[in-house]
Amino acid sequence: MAGPAGGVNRSREGGATVDALKNFLQFSSPLDWLVLTLGAVLILVAVLMLILARSRKPIYWFLAAALLPLVLGILTTYLKNRAMDRALAKVNAETIGAAPKVSQLPPPPPPPRGARIKPTPTPFPTPDPGLIVEAGRREARLSTYVGAVGTAVPVLIGLFGLALKKNKNA
């Protein structure tokens, strides 16, 4: 659906998902790319193993290796959350240390008689730190979701391969 000036209309339901995925790919860390690459490679290996494996033994080894994307996704999420907590603690420490105490501030000059007081606009809107942290945690959880999908698909293919293989000897 085209919006103004031929652009994409972001009011559709999947627009936020597409934006989140685009941001994830654009700002992903090397660990994120490792999780994505490992998940894709394991899916291809699962299909090849389903076709080429003659017994169950290689499938068991593959099922153990298929847990790597999930483990790496959880590790990536942990590291991103830890970095976010450190940055937030640093900002809070700098803000608390740099803010003058109320007793040190001079009193504001009184307004002229009959003048209406207008609030002074800030040059940039100040976002709520809680919203920033929550958005960062949502972005960090994407790594775990990608790792879970990168594990679930090969494991399901491997379990299907176990069901197909008639050779019970390992």
Foldseek 3Di string as FASTA:
>chain_A
DADPPRHDDCPDDCNVVVVLVVVCVVPPDPLLVVLLVLLVVLLVVLVVCLVPPQALVVLVVSLVVLLVSLVSLVVQLVVLLVVVVVVVVVVVVCVVVPDDDPVPDDDDDDDPPPDDDDDDDDPDDDDDVVVVSVVSSVSSNVSNVSSVSSSVNSNVSSVVSNVPHPDPDD
